[in-house]
Amino acid sequence: MSSHAIKPSAKPNPNTVQTLRRLINAPSVTPDDAGTIDYLAERLNHQGFECEHLDCNGVRNLIAWREFGPGPVMAFAGHVDVVPANPQGWVAHPFAAAVIEDVIYGRGAADMKGGVAAMLSATERLCQQAQQCRGTLFWLITSDEEGEAEYGSKVMAEYLAHKGIVLDACLVGEPTSHQQVGDTIKNGRRGAISGRVQIRGKAGHVAYPEQTINAAHIAGELVNELANISWWKDVRGSQTSLQVTGLTVPDIVDNLVPASCEITFNVRYSHAYKSQEIYQVVAQALAPWHDNVSVQWERPCESYYTGSRESACFLNVVEQAILRVRGQFPALSTAGGTSDGRFFASTDTQVIECGVKNDSIHQVNEHVSVADLYAIEEIYTAILHDYFVA
């Protein structure tokens, strides 16, 4: 690894700001990419990248790559789709990309078009010294991250596997920072899964409860059992939480014991677990009522974790780059929601998420400062330099 610090320029790169504004101007609400995929492909093609489009069920996906020579394989993964934005309450229209007092406002500014724009500038800087580089850099961009994520990064990961392409490292540009850019990175994510419990009882008149099986009463017992499951495999900094999100009795009548009831819940689980283990733990908790209940699982999002390794440690590359650019090591976190990093993580692929501050994402007046945009560009530049040049 190089010990040479990346020398910051005198002022923020205006090209990065203009790139971000161009991306924000496109109202790319999931799954519509609004032309952003073609724009990125054109920019990357000018830098010597080969580009392939994988369009699936209305979702646009871009796989672009440039091989500098034999060496490690790294990908930058991200998305250009955004959540909807009602203009009410914004200081400027959410797709106007207004710059006010050196702050760029717009839907996607932080999540995650800012990261995409910064990485594009960092990639262009890397390509200027292509003769000194080794390895292959991939770009994996989708318009289906904010939605169900069925036809985006998942499809691209399957495509790479089919082609026999193994990523050694993957940098996801999600907004991970808190107080200042680079103070926190994600080296994993908790998993998530939702469950739906159907409870079968026996209806009857409330005056004769001995002739009934009250599904609502069973539901109360089940809620208590689910809420008190012991998640013994949890590790420090990555806790499992099961939250009941709904309890429904159909056709309520005040003199009728209900014959059915539904409980819905969501589990955010530690990276120490995999989804199959969650199924087993919940099934064991519900076992005493097996004659009266059935469970349906929905929207599984697998956990992943990237720890330190003695060789080829991408985590160390990112940490050292942030130390040089920002003057301090980042905190490691696996908290928050899920991300597309889960589709690329494996025993062969180390995944790290690193991006701008996340304090305004999905909110009215989502924004990123010009200074923060430049800071993440410098971090990305340092990571690419260390990985492909040093």
Protein backbone atom coordinates (compact mmCIF):
# COMPACT_ATOMS: atom_id res chain seq x y z
CA MET A 1 0.00 0.00 0.00
CA SER A 2 1.21 3.49 -0.86
CA SER A 3 2.22 5.78 1.97
CA HIS A 4 1.85 8.87 -0.21
CA ALA A 5 -1.07 11.04 0.76
CA ILE A 6 -3.47 12.20 -1.92
CA LYS A 7 -2.87 15.92 -2.26
CA PRO A 8 -6.15 17.84 -2.18
CA SER A 9 -6.80 20.35 -4.93
CA ALA A 10 -7.18 24.04 -4.10
CA LYS A 11 -10.95 23.90 -4.52
CA PRO A 12 -13.74 21.39 -5.15
CA ASN A 13 -13.85 19.79 -8.57
CA PRO A 14 -16.53 21.69 -10.52
CA ASN A 15 -17.00 18.70 -12.81
CA THR A 16 -18.20 16.61 -9.87
CA VAL A 17 -20.75 19.24 -8.89
CA GLN A 18 -22.02 19.47 -12.46
CA THR A 19 -22.22 15.69 -12.72
CA LEU A 20 -24.29 15.50 -9.56
CA ARG A 21 -26.61 18.27 -10.73
CA ARG A 22 -27.09 16.44 -14.03
CA LEU A 23 -28.01 13.26 -12.16
CA ILE A 24 -30.41 15.05 -9.78
CA ASN A 25 -32.14 16.77 -12.72
CA ALA A 26 -33.27 13.33 -13.88
CA PRO A 27 -36.43 12.33 -11.92
CA SER A 28 -35.33 8.71 -11.63
CA VAL A 29 -37.98 7.42 -9.23
CA THR A 30 -37.75 3.62 -8.94
CA PRO A 31 -37.56 1.84 -11.34
CA ASP A 32 -37.27 4.64 -13.93
CA ASP A 33 -33.64 5.57 -14.54
CA ALA A 34 -34.71 8.72 -16.48
CA GLY A 35 -31.71 8.49 -18.80
CA THR A 36 -29.05 8.30 -16.08
CA ILE A 37 -27.84 4.83 -17.06
CA ASP A 38 -27.10 5.91 -20.63
CA TYR A 39 -25.41 9.07 -19.34
CA LEU A 40 -23.09 7.09 -17.06
CA ALA A 41 -22.38 4.53 -19.77
CA GLU A 42 -21.34 7.30 -22.16
CA ARG A 43 -19.04 8.89 -19.58
CA LEU A 44 -17.45 5.55 -18.71
CA ASN A 45 -17.10 4.57 -22.35
CA HIS A 46 -15.02 7.70 -22.90
CA GLN A 47 -12.68 6.40 -20.19
CA GLY A 48 -12.11 3.11 -21.99
CA PHE A 49 -14.78 1.05 -20.23
CA GLU A 50 -16.75 -1.66 -21.98
CA CYS A 51 -20.45 -1.39 -21.14
CA GLU A 52 -23.25 -3.92 -21.08
CA HIS A 53 -26.90 -3.19 -20.30
CA LEU A 54 -29.01 -5.74 -18.43
CA ASP A 55 -32.60 -4.55 -18.62
CA CYS A 56 -35.09 -6.66 -16.71
CA ASN A 57 -38.81 -6.09 -16.00
CA GLY A 58 -38.59 -2.33 -16.47
CA VAL A 59 -35.36 -2.03 -14.47
CA ARG A 60 -32.18 -0.76 -16.11
CA ASN A 61 -28.82 -2.15 -15.02
CA LEU A 62 -25.35 -1.17 -16.17
CA ILE A 63 -22.27 -3.37 -15.99
CA ALA A 64 -19.14 -1.51 -17.11
CA TRP A 65 -15.55 -2.63 -16.77
CA ARG A 66 -12.00 -1.68 -17.65
CA GLU A 67 -9.14 -4.11 -17.40
CA PHE A 68 -5.81 -2.40 -16.74
CA GLY A 69 -3.90 -5.67 -16.67
CA PRO A 70 -3.56 -8.80 -14.53
CA GLY A 71 -4.46 -8.17 -10.91
CA PRO A 72 -7.29 -7.91 -8.40
CA VAL A 73 -10.90 -7.26 -9.38
CA MET A 74 -12.85 -4.52 -7.65
CA ALA A 75 -16.34 -3.14 -8.26
CA PHE A 76 -18.09 0.09 -7.41
CA ALA A 77 -21.77 -0.68 -6.82
CA GLY A 78 -24.57 1.83 -6.60
CA HIS A 79 -27.98 2.97 -7.73
CA VAL A 80 -29.46 5.91 -9.59
CA ASP A 81 -33.08 5.43 -8.52
CA VAL A 82 -34.59 7.56 -5.79
CA VAL A 83 -37.71 7.59 -3.62
CA PRO A 84 -40.56 9.94 -4.64
CA ALA A 85 -40.38 13.62 -3.68
CA ASN A 86 -43.33 15.95 -3.08
CA PRO A 87 -42.13 19.52 -3.84
CA GLN A 88 -44.03 20.91 -0.84
CA GLY A 89 -41.66 22.17 1.85
CA TRP A 90 -38.50 22.12 -0.30
CA VAL A 91 -36.31 25.21 -0.60
CA ALA A 92 -36.24 24.46 -4.34
CA HIS A 93 -37.86 21.86 -6.57
CA PRO A 94 -36.46 18.43 -5.58
CA PHE A 95 -35.22 17.77 -9.13
CA ALA A 96 -33.86 21.27 -9.79
CA ALA A 97 -30.49 20.50 -8.16
CA ALA A 98 -30.31 23.99 -6.69
CA VAL A 99 -27.01 25.11 -5.16
CA ILE A 100 -27.65 27.40 -2.20
CA GLU A 101 -24.74 28.63 -0.09
CA ASP A 102 -22.52 25.79 -1.33
CA VAL A 103 -25.12 23.12 -0.56
CA ILE A 104 -26.69 21.03 -3.34
CA TYR A 105 -30.38 20.28 -2.73
CA GLY A 106 -32.31 17.56 -4.50
CA ARG A 107 -33.77 14.09 -4.27
CA GLY A 108 -30.89 11.65 -4.40
CA ALA A 109 -28.21 14.20 -3.55
CA ALA A 110 -27.09 12.01 -0.65
CA ASP A 111 -28.77 8.70 -1.50
CA MET A 112 -26.86 8.09 -3.62
CA LYS A 113 -26.25 10.23 -6.67
CA GLY A 114 -23.62 12.19 -4.75
CA GLY A 115 -21.60 9.00 -4.32
CA VAL A 116 -22.04 8.10 -8.00
CA ALA A 117 -20.86 11.54 -9.14
CA ALA A 118 -17.84 11.45 -6.82
CA MET A 119 -16.85 7.97 -7.93
CA LEU A 120 -17.14 8.96 -11.57
CA SER A 121 -14.63 11.78 -11.01
CA ALA A 122 -12.37 9.45 -9.02
CA THR A 123 -12.54 6.88 -11.83
CA GLU A 124 -11.60 9.49 -14.42
CA ARG A 125 -8.62 10.50 -12.30
CA LEU A 126 -7.56 6.85 -12.04
CA CYS A 127 -7.80 6.39 -15.81
CA GLN A 128 -5.41 9.30 -16.31
CA GLN A 129 -2.68 7.05 -14.90
CA ALA A 130 -3.89 3.82 -16.54
CA GLN A 131 -0.38 2.76 -17.55
CA GLN A 132 0.54 2.42 -13.87
CA CYS A 133 -2.59 0.43 -12.95
CA ARG A 134 -3.17 -3.28 -12.55
CA GLY A 135 -6.39 -5.24 -12.13
CA THR A 136 -9.96 -4.67 -13.31
CA LEU A 137 -12.50 -2.08 -12.17
CA PHE A 138 -16.21 -2.78 -12.56
CA TRP A 139 -19.13 -0.38 -12.27
CA LEU A 140 -22.42 -2.02 -11.23
CA ILE A 141 -25.31 0.46 -11.34
CA THR A 142 -29.04 -0.25 -11.03
CA SER A 143 -32.35 1.62 -11.04
CA ASP A 144 -33.96 -0.84 -8.60
CA GLU A 145 -32.47 -0.37 -5.15
CA GLU A 146 -35.15 1.69 -3.43
CA GLY A 147 -37.89 -0.73 -4.49
CA GLU A 148 -38.14 -4.51 -4.17
CA ALA A 149 -34.57 -4.98 -5.46
CA GLU A 150 -35.57 -8.09 -7.40
CA TYR A 151 -34.34 -7.03 -10.84
CA GLY A 152 -31.32 -4.87 -10.07
CA SER A 153 -28.13 -5.80 -8.21
CA LYS A 154 -29.44 -9.31 -7.69
CA VAL A 155 -29.61 -9.79 -11.45
CA MET A 156 -26.14 -8.31 -11.95
CA ALA A 157 -24.64 -10.57 -9.27
CA GLU A 158 -26.21 -13.60 -10.95
CA TYR A 159 -24.84 -12.44 -14.30
CA LEU A 160 -21.29 -12.14 -12.93
CA ALA A 161 -21.54 -15.58 -11.37
CA HIS A 162 -22.78 -17.06 -14.67
CA LYS A 163 -19.80 -15.49 -16.45
CA GLY A 164 -17.39 -16.84 -13.83
CA ILE A 165 -16.37 -13.34 -12.76
CA VAL A 166 -15.29 -13.20 -9.11
CA LEU A 167 -14.98 -9.84 -7.39
CA ASP A 168 -12.22 -9.57 -4.83
CA ALA A 169 -13.69 -6.37 -3.41
CA CYS A 170 -16.80 -4.26 -3.78
CA LEU A 171 -17.25 -0.66 -2.65
CA VAL A 172 -20.88 0.40 -2.25
CA GLY A 173 -21.45 4.16 -2.36
CA GLU A 174 -24.34 4.28 0.13
CA PRO A 175 -24.39 7.28 2.51
CA THR A 176 -22.78 5.93 5.69
CA SER A 177 -21.32 8.98 7.44
CA HIS A 178 -22.83 10.74 10.44
CA GLN A 179 -21.22 13.92 11.75
CA GLN A 180 -18.64 14.28 8.99
CA VAL A 181 -17.72 12.46 5.81
CA GLY A 182 -15.60 9.40 6.47
CA ASP A 183 -16.41 9.07 10.17
CA THR A 184 -18.36 5.83 9.65
CA ILE A 185 -18.30 3.02 7.12
CA LYS A 186 -20.34 -0.17 6.92
CA ASN A 187 -18.43 -3.45 6.97
CA GLY A 188 -21.65 -5.44 7.03
CA ARG A 189 -25.39 -5.19 7.40
CA ARG A 190 -27.99 -6.88 9.51
CA GLY A 191 -30.42 -9.11 7.70
CA ALA A 192 -34.13 -8.43 7.47
CA ILE A 193 -37.18 -10.58 6.98
CA SER A 194 -40.91 -10.25 7.55
CA GLY A 195 -43.26 -12.92 8.83
CA ARG A 196 -47.01 -13.46 8.75
CA VAL A 197 -48.59 -15.81 11.31
CA GLN A 198 -52.08 -17.17 10.61
CA ILE A 199 -53.91 -18.37 13.72
CA ARG A 200 -56.79 -20.80 13.50
CA GLY A 201 -59.34 -21.04 16.30
CA LYS A 202 -62.98 -22.00 16.66
CA ALA A 203 -65.76 -19.44 16.58
CA GLY A 204 -68.66 -19.38 18.99
CA HIS A 205 -70.78 -17.23 21.27
CA VAL A 206 -68.82 -15.26 23.86
CA ALA A 207 -71.21 -16.50 26.55
CA TYR A 208 -69.99 -20.07 25.98
CA PRO A 209 -66.21 -19.78 25.76
CA GLU A 210 -65.75 -23.43 26.71
CA GLN A 211 -67.12 -24.31 23.28
CA THR A 212 -64.65 -22.11 21.40
CA ILE A 213 -60.94 -21.62 20.70
CA ASN A 214 -60.24 -17.89 20.83
CA ALA A 215 -57.73 -17.04 18.10
CA ALA A 216 -57.18 -13.56 19.58
CA HIS A 217 -56.18 -15.06 22.94
CA ILE A 218 -53.69 -17.34 21.20
CA ALA A 219 -52.38 -14.29 19.35
CA GLY A 220 -51.70 -12.53 22.66
CA GLU A 221 -49.67 -15.49 23.88
CA LEU A 222 -47.75 -15.65 20.62
CA VAL A 223 -46.92 -11.95 20.68
CA ASN A 224 -45.44 -12.34 24.14
CA GLU A 225 -43.45 -15.40 23.05
CA LEU A 226 -42.09 -13.70 19.94
CA ALA A 227 -41.12 -10.54 21.83
CA ASN A 228 -39.12 -12.54 24.36
CA ILE A 229 -37.08 -14.78 22.09
CA SER A 230 -33.46 -15.00 23.23
CA TRP A 231 -31.11 -14.21 20.35
CA TRP A 232 -28.11 -15.89 21.88
CA LYS A 233 -25.85 -15.61 18.81
CA ASP A 234 -25.92 -11.79 18.77
CA VAL A 235 -22.54 -10.07 18.79
CA ARG A 236 -21.56 -6.67 20.09
CA GLY A 237 -22.70 -3.91 17.78
CA SER A 238 -25.05 -6.16 15.82
CA GLN A 239 -28.22 -6.94 17.73
CA THR A 240 -31.31 -8.82 16.61
CA SER A 241 -34.73 -7.25 17.05
CA LEU A 242 -38.13 -8.82 16.37
CA GLN A 243 -40.92 -6.26 16.25
CA VAL A 244 -44.60 -7.11 15.91
CA THR A 245 -45.98 -4.77 13.24
CA GLY A 246 -49.62 -5.79 13.13
CA LEU A 247 -52.38 -7.81 14.83
CA THR A 248 -55.60 -8.22 12.90
CA VAL A 249 -58.93 -9.87 13.73
CA PRO A 250 -61.28 -9.98 10.73
CA ASP A 251 -65.00 -9.19 10.97
CA ILE A 252 -65.08 -8.09 14.60
CA VAL A 253 -68.40 -8.74 16.37
CA ASP A 254 -68.67 -8.00 20.08
CA ASN A 255 -70.49 -11.24 20.95
CA LEU A 256 -68.48 -13.57 18.72
CA VAL A 257 -65.25 -15.34 19.67
CA PRO A 258 -62.93 -14.91 16.66
CA ALA A 259 -61.97 -18.03 14.72
CA SER A 260 -58.95 -16.47 13.07
CA CYS A 261 -56.31 -13.83 13.65
CA GLU A 262 -53.16 -12.62 11.89
CA ILE A 263 -49.88 -11.39 13.37
CA THR A 264 -47.28 -9.67 11.22
CA PHE A 265 -43.72 -9.04 12.36
CA ASN A 266 -40.29 -8.02 11.12
CA VAL A 267 -36.90 -9.33 12.20
CA ARG A 268 -33.72 -7.28 11.81
CA TYR A 269 -31.08 -9.83 12.61
CA SER A 270 -27.41 -9.81 13.49
CA HIS A 271 -24.84 -10.82 10.90
CA ALA A 272 -24.14 -13.75 13.22
CA TYR A 273 -27.32 -15.33 11.83
CA LYS A 274 -28.49 -16.39 8.40
CA SER A 275 -32.14 -16.44 7.38
CA GLN A 276 -32.53 -20.22 7.77
CA GLU A 277 -31.53 -19.90 11.42
CA ILE A 278 -34.15 -17.18 11.94
CA TYR A 279 -36.81 -19.50 10.53
CA GLN A 280 -35.75 -22.23 12.94
CA VAL A 281 -35.69 -20.00 16.03
CA VAL A 282 -39.15 -18.59 15.32
CA ALA A 283 -40.55 -22.05 14.53
CA GLN A 284 -39.24 -23.32 17.86
CA ALA A 285 -40.90 -20.43 19.70
CA LEU A 286 -44.24 -21.18 18.02
CA ALA A 287 -43.99 -24.97 18.40
CA PRO A 288 -46.41 -25.26 21.38
CA TRP A 289 -49.19 -23.86 19.14
CA HIS A 290 -48.31 -25.82 16.00
CA ASP A 291 -51.86 -27.19 15.61
CA ASN A 292 -53.26 -23.66 15.42
CA VAL A 293 -50.67 -21.62 13.52
CA SER A 294 -48.86 -21.41 10.20
CA VAL A 295 -46.07 -18.98 9.25
CA GLN A 296 -45.42 -17.34 5.89
CA TRP A 297 -42.07 -15.62 5.33
CA GLU A 298 -41.70 -12.55 3.10
CA ARG A 299 -38.99 -10.26 1.68
CA PRO A 300 -35.83 -11.96 2.97
CA CYS A 301 -32.68 -9.79 2.91
CA GLU A 302 -29.59 -11.76 3.92
CA SER A 303 -27.03 -10.36 6.36
CA TYR A 304 -23.36 -10.00 5.48
CA TYR A 305 -20.13 -9.11 7.26
CA THR A 306 -16.61 -8.22 6.16
CA GLY A 307 -13.97 -8.54 8.85
CA SER A 308 -10.23 -8.00 8.89
CA ARG A 309 -8.14 -10.58 7.09
CA GLU A 310 -4.41 -11.08 6.99
CA SER A 311 -4.28 -10.99 3.19
CA ALA A 312 -6.18 -8.98 0.56
CA CYS A 313 -8.00 -6.98 3.23
CA PHE A 314 -10.15 -4.42 1.47
CA LEU A 315 -11.36 -3.11 4.82
CA ASN A 316 -7.81 -2.05 5.64
CA VAL A 317 -7.45 -0.33 2.25
CA VAL A 318 -10.56 1.78 2.92
CA GLU A 319 -9.55 2.57 6.49
CA GLN A 320 -6.07 3.71 5.50
CA ALA A 321 -7.40 5.84 2.65
CA ILE A 322 -9.81 7.63 5.00
CA LEU A 323 -7.06 8.11 7.56
CA ARG A 324 -4.85 9.88 5.02
CA VAL A 325 -7.59 12.03 3.51
CA ARG A 326 -9.56 12.85 6.68
CA GLY A 327 -6.96 12.43 9.42
CA GLN A 328 -8.79 9.78 11.44
CA PHE A 329 -9.93 6.18 11.25
CA PRO A 330 -13.62 5.55 10.52
CA ALA A 331 -15.93 3.79 12.94
CA LEU A 332 -17.19 0.41 11.74
CA SER A 333 -20.91 -0.24 11.73
CA THR A 334 -23.43 -2.87 10.63
CA ALA A 335 -26.47 -0.88 11.79
CA GLY A 336 -29.27 0.59 9.72
CA GLY A 337 -31.39 -0.95 7.01
CA THR A 338 -30.42 -3.34 4.27
CA SER A 339 -28.41 -2.52 1.16
CA ASP A 340 -27.48 -4.08 -2.17
CA GLY A 341 -24.12 -5.02 -0.68
CA ARG A 342 -25.74 -8.29 0.36
CA PHE A 343 -25.96 -9.44 -3.25
CA PHE A 344 -22.21 -9.16 -3.83
CA ALA A 345 -20.83 -10.29 -0.45
CA SER A 346 -19.39 -13.81 -0.30
CA THR A 347 -16.45 -15.74 1.05
CA ASP A 348 -14.53 -14.47 -1.99
CA THR A 349 -15.80 -10.87 -2.10
CA GLN A 350 -15.20 -8.31 0.64
CA VAL A 351 -17.86 -5.59 0.66
CA ILE A 352 -17.48 -2.17 2.27
CA GLU A 353 -20.00 0.68 2.13
CA CYS A 354 -18.69 4.23 2.26
CA GLY A 355 -20.41 7.46 1.37
CA VAL A 356 -21.54 10.93 2.35
CA LYS A 357 -23.62 11.86 5.40
CA ASN A 358 -27.02 10.21 5.73
CA ASP A 359 -28.81 12.74 7.94
CA SER A 360 -31.10 14.03 5.15
CA ILE A 361 -31.76 10.94 3.05
CA HIS A 362 -35.39 10.33 2.00
CA GLN A 363 -36.34 13.64 3.66
CA VAL A 364 -37.62 17.01 2.49
CA ASN A 365 -34.60 19.11 1.45
CA GLU A 366 -32.27 16.16 1.00
CA HIS A 367 -28.85 17.66 0.38
CA VAL A 368 -25.08 17.33 0.29
CA SER A 369 -22.62 20.16 0.73
CA VAL A 370 -20.06 20.85 -1.98
CA ALA A 371 -17.34 20.31 0.62
CA ASP A 372 -18.73 16.89 1.56
CA LEU A 373 -19.06 15.92 -2.08
CA TYR A 374 -15.43 16.78 -2.64
CA ALA A 375 -14.38 14.94 0.54
CA ILE A 376 -15.93 11.67 -0.61
CA GLU A 377 -14.37 12.13 -4.05
CA GLU A 378 -10.96 12.40 -2.43
CA ILE A 379 -11.62 9.27 -0.35
CA TYR A 380 -12.72 7.33 -3.43
CA THR A 381 -9.66 8.59 -5.32
CA ALA A 382 -7.37 7.38 -2.54
CA ILE A 383 -9.09 3.96 -2.42
CA LEU A 384 -8.76 3.47 -6.19
CA HIS A 385 -5.13 4.60 -6.13
CA ASP A 386 -4.21 2.20 -3.33
CA TYR A 387 -6.07 -0.70 -4.93
CA PHE A 388 -4.97 -0.35 -8.53
CA VAL A 389 -1.74 1.66 -8.52
CA ALA A 390 0.07 1.05 -5.24
